[in-house]
Every structure is written in C-alpha cells, then in structure tokens.
Amino acid sequence: MKAWDIYSYQPAGWPEPNPVVIVSHPGRVANKPDVEVLLCTSKRLTRAQGPGETVLDEADGLDWPTLCKCDLIHAIAKGELRQRRGQVTPERRRQIIREIMRAHDWLS
C-alpha cells in the first residue's frame, strides 16, 4: 500500500464500494494505522467534471471514467481498504494536486 494507489472502500451503510485514492505521505502510509484518501464515484461518469474534481479512468486502473472528489480529504483506517484497483498516473497526480490546492484555496 502506498500513496497514489487506488483501493476499494465501502463506508457503513453504502450499497457498494467506491474507489479511493491514497494521498497520504509515504511515511504515514508505512507507519500509521490511518491514511488520507480522496473518494471517487462508483458509477460511470455521466457529467462533466466540476470544481474540486478530477477524472480518473482505465489508465489509472479503473473500469471507466470516474470522478475523483478533490475538495474533501478523508481519514480512513488502512484495514478498511480492500482490493487494490490501480495507481494514479503521474499526469493525473499533478492534476489532483492542483485541484486539491485550488479547492482548498492554497494557491495564494
């Protein structure tokens, strides 16, 4: 398990697992029980991406174009992550970082 890996995560009460992207520092991933993740949609993309979102797809290991929500970082226990699905491509990593910074107004 490492930063930029995509795993499945199913929060309590949700009907199906969703992809999540690990965005924690490698030191946290290696040494702490919780990691920071971005939630992605589980459904096929049916609209254009909006502010605070990036699109991931087959190149990242997903089955279809999927919205990744960059405007909210979640902390999740590593033990709740299931089935590694892929890894975010280097170009999309840059897009996610830019979108996180933009969504949190960290660009000033």
Foldseek 3Di string as FASTA:
>chain_A
DAAQWWFWFDPPPRPGTWIKGFHADRVCVVPPQKTKIWTKDPDADDDDDDQQWDWDAVVFQDPGTIITRLLDIDIDGPVRTHDTRGGGDPVVVVVSVVRNCVSVVVPD
